[in-house]
């Protein structure tokens, strides 16, 4: 597994886990009450910060383990890696644009801050996950 693919997997795994943790904590905080009453800001911020730190740590540890196994190719990337990253980013950005449009619609209807912020948060999360999945498929099957 090449350097770029390892980092991709790290980001993908942490994004999925971070999103699940955020949903679980938010639902537990809501209890039987409405979701809009949850103090979502600290939950979201800590989830984002924790996910970034976790992705960095997982990537570093995975890189060190890969370096032990294959010291020659641990940090190398080539044109194929760049092409796959570009394609994955295009897929991810499309979901980010959809989330941005959703946020604009929610703002137009004066929705609660909770829904606006969570639409953008999950837009970023789905963007990362969808782009990551597209890139993993490209690594496994090749670019079309």
N, C-alpha and C. Protein backbone atom coordinates (compact mmCIF):
# COMPACT_ATOMS: atom_id res chain seq x y z
N UNK A 1 0.85 -1.17 0.00
CA UNK A 1 0.00 0.00 0.00
C UNK A 1 0.90 1.24 0.00
N UNK A 2 0.65 2.15 -0.93
CA UNK A 2 1.48 3.34 -1.06
C UNK A 2 1.11 4.39 -0.02
N UNK A 3 1.99 5.36 0.13
CA UNK A 3 1.86 6.43 1.11
C UNK A 3 0.50 7.13 1.03
N UNK A 4 0.12 7.54 -0.16
CA UNK A 4 -1.13 8.27 -0.34
C UNK A 4 -2.34 7.42 0.03
N UNK A 5 -2.29 6.15 -0.31
CA UNK A 5 -3.42 5.26 0.00
C UNK A 5 -3.53 5.04 1.50
N UNK A 6 -2.41 4.91 2.18
CA UNK A 6 -2.44 4.76 3.65
C UNK A 6 -3.08 5.98 4.30
N UNK A 7 -2.66 7.17 3.87
CA UNK A 7 -3.25 8.39 4.43
C UNK A 7 -4.73 8.49 4.12
N UNK A 8 -5.10 8.05 2.95
CA UNK A 8 -6.50 8.03 2.55
C UNK A 8 -7.31 7.12 3.48
N UNK A 9 -6.81 5.92 3.71
CA UNK A 9 -7.49 4.98 4.61
C UNK A 9 -7.58 5.55 6.02
N UNK A 10 -6.51 6.18 6.50
CA UNK A 10 -6.53 6.78 7.84
C UNK A 10 -7.65 7.81 7.94
N UNK A 11 -7.71 8.69 6.96
CA UNK A 11 -8.73 9.73 6.95
C UNK A 11 -10.13 9.15 6.85
N UNK A 12 -10.28 8.14 6.02
CA UNK A 12 -11.59 7.51 5.82
C UNK A 12 -12.08 6.84 7.10
N UNK A 13 -11.23 6.08 7.73
CA UNK A 13 -11.60 5.37 8.96
C UNK A 13 -11.96 6.37 10.06
N UNK A 14 -11.11 7.37 10.25
CA UNK A 14 -11.35 8.36 11.31
C UNK A 14 -12.61 9.17 11.03
N UNK A 15 -12.87 9.50 9.77
CA UNK A 15 -14.08 10.27 9.43
C UNK A 15 -15.35 9.50 9.76
N UNK A 16 -15.36 8.23 9.44
CA UNK A 16 -16.53 7.40 9.74
C UNK A 16 -16.72 7.29 11.25
N UNK A 17 -15.65 6.98 11.96
CA UNK A 17 -15.75 6.84 13.42
C UNK A 17 -16.14 8.18 14.06
N UNK A 18 -15.53 9.27 13.61
CA UNK A 18 -15.85 10.59 14.16
C UNK A 18 -17.31 10.96 13.96
N UNK A 19 -17.84 10.66 12.78
CA UNK A 19 -19.25 10.96 12.51
C UNK A 19 -20.17 10.14 13.40
N UNK A 20 -19.84 8.87 13.57
CA UNK A 20 -20.65 8.00 14.43
C UNK A 20 -20.61 8.50 15.87
N UNK A 21 -19.43 8.87 16.34
CA UNK A 21 -19.28 9.38 17.71
C UNK A 21 -20.09 10.66 17.88
N UNK A 22 -20.01 11.56 16.91
CA UNK A 22 -20.76 12.81 16.99
C UNK A 22 -22.26 12.56 17.06
N UNK A 23 -22.75 11.68 16.20
CA UNK A 23 -24.18 11.35 16.21
C UNK A 23 -24.59 10.75 17.55
N UNK A 24 -23.80 9.81 18.05
CA UNK A 24 -24.13 9.14 19.32
C UNK A 24 -24.15 10.13 20.48
N UNK A 25 -23.13 10.97 20.57
CA UNK A 25 -23.07 11.93 21.68
C UNK A 25 -24.21 12.94 21.58
N UNK A 26 -24.50 13.41 20.38
CA UNK A 26 -25.59 14.38 20.19
C UNK A 26 -26.94 13.77 20.56
N UNK A 27 -27.17 12.54 20.13
CA UNK A 27 -28.44 11.88 20.46
C UNK A 27 -28.55 11.61 21.96
N UNK A 28 -27.44 11.23 22.60
CA UNK A 28 -27.48 11.02 24.05
C UNK A 28 -27.74 12.34 24.77
N UNK A 29 -27.13 13.43 24.28
CA UNK A 29 -27.34 14.73 24.92
C UNK A 29 -28.78 15.20 24.77
N UNK A 30 -29.41 14.84 23.66
CA UNK A 30 -30.80 15.25 23.43
C UNK A 30 -31.75 14.48 24.33
N UNK A 31 -31.42 13.22 24.60
CA UNK A 31 -32.32 12.39 25.41
C UNK A 31 -33.68 12.31 24.75
N UNK A 32 -34.72 12.66 25.49
CA UNK A 32 -36.08 12.64 24.95
C UNK A 32 -36.50 14.01 24.40
N UNK A 33 -35.62 15.01 24.56
CA UNK A 33 -35.96 16.36 24.11
C UNK A 33 -35.64 16.57 22.65
N UNK A 34 -35.96 17.75 22.16
CA UNK A 34 -35.66 18.05 20.75
C UNK A 34 -34.16 18.23 20.51
N UNK A 35 -33.71 17.87 19.33
CA UNK A 35 -32.30 17.98 18.99
C UNK A 35 -31.82 19.44 19.01
N UNK A 36 -32.71 20.36 18.71
CA UNK A 36 -32.30 21.77 18.66
C UNK A 36 -31.96 22.33 20.04
N UNK A 37 -32.32 21.63 21.11
CA UNK A 37 -31.98 22.07 22.46
C UNK A 37 -30.60 21.61 22.90
N UNK A 38 -29.95 20.77 22.12
CA UNK A 38 -28.63 20.25 22.47
C UNK A 38 -27.60 21.36 22.32
N UNK A 39 -26.67 21.45 23.27
CA UNK A 39 -25.54 22.37 23.16
C UNK A 39 -24.52 21.70 22.23
N UNK A 40 -24.74 21.84 20.94
CA UNK A 40 -24.01 21.09 19.92
C UNK A 40 -22.63 21.65 19.62
N UNK A 41 -22.38 22.93 19.91
CA UNK A 41 -21.12 23.56 19.52
C UNK A 41 -19.91 22.85 20.13
N UNK A 42 -19.86 22.64 21.45
CA UNK A 42 -18.67 21.96 21.99
C UNK A 42 -18.54 20.52 21.50
N UNK A 43 -19.67 19.85 21.32
CA UNK A 43 -19.62 18.47 20.83
C UNK A 43 -19.02 18.44 19.43
N UNK A 44 -19.48 19.35 18.58
CA UNK A 44 -18.98 19.39 17.20
C UNK A 44 -17.51 19.78 17.17
N UNK A 45 -17.13 20.80 17.92
CA UNK A 45 -15.73 21.25 17.92
C UNK A 45 -14.79 20.16 18.41
N UNK A 46 -15.16 19.50 19.51
CA UNK A 46 -14.29 18.44 20.04
C UNK A 46 -14.23 17.25 19.09
N UNK A 47 -15.33 16.97 18.42
CA UNK A 47 -15.32 15.88 17.44
C UNK A 47 -14.41 16.22 16.27
N UNK A 48 -14.48 17.44 15.78
CA UNK A 48 -13.63 17.86 14.67
C UNK A 48 -12.16 17.84 15.08
N UNK A 49 -11.85 18.45 16.22
CA UNK A 49 -10.46 18.48 16.69
C UNK A 49 -9.96 17.06 16.95
N UNK A 50 -10.78 16.25 17.61
CA UNK A 50 -10.38 14.86 17.89
C UNK A 50 -10.16 14.06 16.62
N UNK A 51 -11.00 14.28 15.62
CA UNK A 51 -10.85 13.55 14.36
C UNK A 51 -9.57 13.95 13.63
N UNK A 52 -9.25 15.24 13.64
CA UNK A 52 -8.02 15.70 13.00
C UNK A 52 -6.80 15.10 13.69
N UNK A 53 -6.78 15.17 15.01
CA UNK A 53 -5.65 14.61 15.76
C UNK A 53 -5.56 13.11 15.55
N UNK A 54 -6.69 12.42 15.60
CA UNK A 54 -6.69 10.96 15.42
C UNK A 54 -6.19 10.58 14.03
N UNK A 55 -6.61 11.32 13.00
CA UNK A 55 -6.16 11.02 11.64
C UNK A 55 -4.65 11.19 11.52
N UNK A 56 -4.12 12.24 12.14
CA UNK A 56 -2.67 12.47 12.10
C UNK A 56 -1.94 11.35 12.82
N UNK A 57 -2.41 10.99 14.01
CA UNK A 57 -1.76 9.94 14.80
C UNK A 57 -1.82 8.60 14.07
N UNK A 58 -2.99 8.24 13.56
CA UNK A 58 -3.13 6.97 12.84
C UNK A 58 -2.21 6.95 11.62
N UNK A 59 -2.15 8.06 10.90
CA UNK A 59 -1.31 8.14 9.71
C UNK A 59 0.17 7.99 10.07
N UNK A 60 0.60 8.63 11.14
CA UNK A 60 2.00 8.54 11.56
C UNK A 60 2.34 7.12 11.99
N UNK A 61 1.51 6.53 12.83
CA UNK A 61 1.78 5.17 13.31
C UNK A 61 1.77 4.18 12.16
N UNK A 62 0.79 4.30 11.28
CA UNK A 62 0.70 3.41 10.12
C UNK A 62 1.92 3.59 9.22
N UNK A 63 2.37 4.85 9.05
CA UNK A 63 3.56 5.12 8.25
C UNK A 63 4.82 4.52 8.86
N UNK A 64 4.93 4.59 10.19
CA UNK A 64 6.09 4.01 10.86
C UNK A 64 6.10 2.50 10.69
N UNK A 65 4.95 1.87 10.84
CA UNK A 65 4.87 0.42 10.66
C UNK A 65 5.17 0.03 9.22
N UNK A 66 4.69 0.82 8.28
CA UNK A 66 4.97 0.54 6.87
C UNK A 66 6.45 0.76 6.57
N UNK A 67 7.07 1.75 7.22
CA UNK A 67 8.49 2.01 7.03
C UNK A 67 9.36 0.88 7.52
N UNK A 68 8.92 0.20 8.56
CA UNK A 68 9.66 -0.96 9.06
C UNK A 68 9.61 -2.08 8.03
N UNK A 69 8.45 -2.25 7.41
CA UNK A 69 8.26 -3.33 6.45
C UNK A 69 8.88 -3.03 5.09
N UNK A 70 8.76 -1.77 4.64
CA UNK A 70 9.28 -1.39 3.32
C UNK A 70 9.91 -0.01 3.39
N UNK A 71 11.16 0.08 3.86
CA UNK A 71 11.79 1.39 4.04
C UNK A 71 12.00 2.17 2.74
N UNK A 72 12.04 1.51 1.62
CA UNK A 72 12.30 2.17 0.33
C UNK A 72 11.10 2.98 -0.16
N UNK A 73 9.91 2.44 -0.04
CA UNK A 73 8.74 3.06 -0.65
C UNK A 73 7.79 3.72 0.31
N UNK A 74 8.23 4.04 1.52
CA UNK A 74 7.30 4.50 2.55
C UNK A 74 6.68 5.87 2.24
N UNK A 75 7.39 6.76 1.60
CA UNK A 75 6.85 8.10 1.37
C UNK A 75 6.74 8.48 -0.08
N UNK A 76 6.80 7.53 -0.96
CA UNK A 76 6.80 7.83 -2.39
C UNK A 76 5.37 7.90 -2.93
N UNK A 77 5.19 8.84 -3.85
CA UNK A 77 3.93 8.88 -4.60
C UNK A 77 4.28 9.20 -6.04
N UNK A 78 3.39 8.85 -6.94
CA UNK A 78 3.65 9.05 -8.36
C UNK A 78 2.45 9.72 -9.03
N UNK A 79 2.49 9.79 -10.35
CA UNK A 79 1.42 10.45 -11.10
C UNK A 79 0.06 9.79 -10.87
N UNK A 80 0.06 8.47 -10.76
CA UNK A 80 -1.19 7.75 -10.52
C UNK A 80 -1.82 8.19 -9.20
N UNK A 81 -0.99 8.33 -8.16
CA UNK A 81 -1.49 8.79 -6.87
C UNK A 81 -2.10 10.19 -6.98
N UNK A 82 -1.45 11.06 -7.71
CA UNK A 82 -1.97 12.42 -7.89
C UNK A 82 -3.27 12.42 -8.67
N UNK A 83 -3.35 11.58 -9.69
CA UNK A 83 -4.59 11.48 -10.48
C UNK A 83 -5.74 10.95 -9.64
N UNK A 84 -5.45 9.94 -8.83
CA UNK A 84 -6.49 9.37 -7.96
C UNK A 84 -6.93 10.40 -6.92
N UNK A 85 -5.98 11.13 -6.35
CA UNK A 85 -6.32 12.16 -5.37
C UNK A 85 -7.19 13.24 -6.01
N UNK A 86 -6.86 13.64 -7.21
CA UNK A 86 -7.64 14.66 -7.92
C UNK A 86 -9.06 14.17 -8.17
N UNK A 87 -9.20 12.92 -8.62
CA UNK A 87 -10.52 12.36 -8.87
C UNK A 87 -11.32 12.25 -7.57
N UNK A 88 -10.68 11.78 -6.50
CA UNK A 88 -11.36 11.68 -5.21
C UNK A 88 -11.82 13.03 -4.70
N UNK A 89 -10.98 14.05 -4.90
CA UNK A 89 -11.35 15.41 -4.49
C UNK A 89 -12.55 15.92 -5.27
N UNK A 90 -12.61 15.61 -6.56
CA UNK A 90 -13.77 16.04 -7.36
C UNK A 90 -15.05 15.40 -6.85
N UNK A 91 -14.98 14.12 -6.54
CA UNK A 91 -16.17 13.44 -6.00
C UNK A 91 -16.56 14.06 -4.66
N UNK A 92 -15.59 14.25 -3.79
CA UNK A 92 -15.87 14.83 -2.48
C UNK A 92 -16.41 16.24 -2.57
N UNK A 93 -15.83 17.06 -3.44
CA UNK A 93 -16.29 18.44 -3.57
C UNK A 93 -17.72 18.53 -4.05
N UNK A 94 -18.15 17.57 -4.85
CA UNK A 94 -19.54 17.61 -5.32
C UNK A 94 -20.51 17.48 -4.14
N UNK A 95 -20.17 16.66 -3.17
CA UNK A 95 -21.02 16.53 -1.98
C UNK A 95 -20.94 17.77 -1.11
N UNK A 96 -19.79 18.40 -1.09
CA UNK A 96 -19.63 19.64 -0.33
C UNK A 96 -20.47 20.76 -0.94
N UNK A 97 -20.54 20.81 -2.25
CA UNK A 97 -21.38 21.80 -2.93
C UNK A 97 -22.85 21.55 -2.61
N UNK A 98 -23.26 20.29 -2.62
CA UNK A 98 -24.65 19.96 -2.28
C UNK A 98 -24.97 20.40 -0.85
N UNK A 99 -24.04 20.17 0.07
CA UNK A 99 -24.25 20.60 1.46
C UNK A 99 -24.32 22.12 1.54
N UNK A 100 -23.47 22.80 0.79
CA UNK A 100 -23.50 24.26 0.79
C UNK A 100 -24.84 24.79 0.29
N UNK A 101 -25.37 24.17 -0.76
CA UNK A 101 -26.69 24.56 -1.25
C UNK A 101 -27.77 24.28 -0.21
N UNK A 102 -27.63 23.14 0.48
CA UNK A 102 -28.58 22.82 1.55
C UNK A 102 -28.54 23.86 2.66
N UNK A 103 -27.35 24.32 3.00
CA UNK A 103 -27.20 25.37 4.02
C UNK A 103 -27.87 26.66 3.56
N UNK A 104 -27.69 27.01 2.30
CA UNK A 104 -28.34 28.22 1.78
C UNK A 104 -29.86 28.12 1.86
N UNK A 105 -30.39 26.96 1.53
CA UNK A 105 -31.85 26.75 1.61
C UNK A 105 -32.31 26.85 3.06
N UNK A 106 -31.57 26.22 3.97
CA UNK A 106 -31.94 26.29 5.38
C UNK A 106 -31.89 27.73 5.89
N UNK A 107 -30.89 28.48 5.46
CA UNK A 107 -30.81 29.90 5.85
C UNK A 107 -31.99 30.69 5.29
N UNK A 108 -32.36 30.40 4.05
CA UNK A 108 -33.48 31.10 3.43
C UNK A 108 -34.78 30.86 4.19
N UNK A 109 -34.93 29.66 4.74
CA UNK A 109 -36.12 29.33 5.51
C UNK A 109 -35.95 29.62 7.00
N UNK A 110 -34.84 30.26 7.35
CA UNK A 110 -34.53 30.64 8.74
C UNK A 110 -34.62 29.45 9.69
N UNK A 111 -33.99 28.36 9.28
CA UNK A 111 -33.95 27.16 10.12
C UNK A 111 -33.09 27.42 11.36
N UNK A 112 -33.26 26.57 12.34
CA UNK A 112 -32.48 26.67 13.57
C UNK A 112 -30.99 26.49 13.25
N UNK A 113 -30.14 27.16 14.04
CA UNK A 113 -28.68 27.06 13.85
C UNK A 113 -28.22 25.61 13.88
N UNK A 114 -28.84 24.81 14.70
CA UNK A 114 -28.46 23.39 14.81
C UNK A 114 -28.50 22.71 13.45
N UNK A 115 -29.58 22.91 12.71
CA UNK A 115 -29.74 22.23 11.42
C UNK A 115 -28.77 22.78 10.38
N UNK A 116 -28.55 24.08 10.42
CA UNK A 116 -27.62 24.69 9.47
C UNK A 116 -26.20 24.17 9.71
N UNK A 117 -25.76 24.21 10.96
CA UNK A 117 -24.41 23.76 11.29
C UNK A 117 -24.23 22.27 11.01
N UNK A 118 -25.22 21.47 11.34
CA UNK A 118 -25.10 20.04 11.13
C UNK A 118 -25.15 19.66 9.66
N UNK A 119 -25.90 20.42 8.87
CA UNK A 119 -25.89 20.18 7.43
C UNK A 119 -24.48 20.40 6.87
N UNK A 120 -23.83 21.48 7.31
CA UNK A 120 -22.48 21.74 6.82
C UNK A 120 -21.50 20.71 7.37
N UNK A 121 -21.63 20.36 8.65
CA UNK A 121 -20.73 19.36 9.25
C UNK A 121 -20.82 18.04 8.49
N UNK A 122 -22.05 17.58 8.26
CA UNK A 122 -22.19 16.30 7.57
C UNK A 122 -21.86 16.42 6.08
N UNK A 123 -21.96 17.62 5.54
CA UNK A 123 -21.48 17.84 4.18
C UNK A 123 -19.98 17.60 4.09
N UNK A 124 -19.25 18.15 5.07
CA UNK A 124 -17.80 17.91 5.11
C UNK A 124 -17.50 16.44 5.34
N UNK A 125 -18.23 15.82 6.27
CA UNK A 125 -17.98 14.40 6.57
C UNK A 125 -18.28 13.52 5.37
N UNK A 126 -19.42 13.72 4.75
CA UNK A 126 -19.79 12.91 3.58
C UNK A 126 -18.85 13.18 2.42
N UNK A 127 -18.40 14.42 2.30
CA UNK A 127 -17.43 14.77 1.26
C UNK A 127 -16.14 13.97 1.44
N UNK A 128 -15.65 13.91 2.66
CA UNK A 128 -14.43 13.15 2.95
C UNK A 128 -14.64 11.67 2.72
N UNK A 129 -15.76 11.16 3.20
CA UNK A 129 -16.04 9.72 3.08
C UNK A 129 -16.27 9.33 1.62
N UNK A 130 -17.08 10.09 0.90
CA UNK A 130 -17.36 9.75 -0.51
C UNK A 130 -16.11 9.87 -1.37
N UNK A 131 -15.34 10.93 -1.16
CA UNK A 131 -14.09 11.08 -1.90
C UNK A 131 -13.10 9.98 -1.57
N UNK A 132 -13.07 9.58 -0.29
CA UNK A 132 -12.19 8.49 0.12
C UNK A 132 -12.59 7.16 -0.49
N UNK A 133 -13.88 6.89 -0.49
CA UNK A 133 -14.36 5.64 -1.09
C UNK A 133 -14.07 5.62 -2.59
N UNK A 134 -14.30 6.74 -3.27
CA UNK A 134 -14.01 6.81 -4.70
C UNK A 134 -12.52 6.58 -4.96
N UNK A 135 -11.67 7.13 -4.11
CA UNK A 135 -10.23 6.95 -4.28
C UNK A 135 -9.81 5.51 -4.01
N UNK A 136 -10.38 4.90 -2.98
CA UNK A 136 -10.06 3.50 -2.68
C UNK A 136 -10.46 2.61 -3.86
N UNK A 137 -11.64 2.86 -4.41
CA UNK A 137 -12.08 2.09 -5.58
C UNK A 137 -11.10 2.29 -6.74
N UNK A 138 -10.64 3.53 -6.92
CA UNK A 138 -9.69 3.80 -8.01
C UNK A 138 -8.36 3.09 -7.76
N UNK A 139 -7.92 3.02 -6.51
CA UNK A 139 -6.69 2.28 -6.21
C UNK A 139 -6.86 0.79 -6.50
N UNK A 140 -8.03 0.27 -6.23
CA UNK A 140 -8.26 -1.16 -6.41
C UNK A 140 -8.55 -1.55 -7.85
N UNK A 141 -9.33 -0.71 -8.55
CA UNK A 141 -9.77 -1.06 -9.91
C UNK A 141 -9.10 -0.23 -10.99
N UNK A 142 -8.44 0.84 -10.60
CA UNK A 142 -7.81 1.73 -11.57
C UNK A 142 -8.75 2.85 -11.98
N UNK A 143 -8.17 3.90 -12.53
CA UNK A 143 -8.97 5.02 -13.03
C UNK A 143 -9.60 4.65 -14.36
N UNK A 144 -10.81 5.12 -14.56
CA UNK A 144 -11.50 4.82 -15.82
C UNK A 144 -11.41 6.00 -16.75
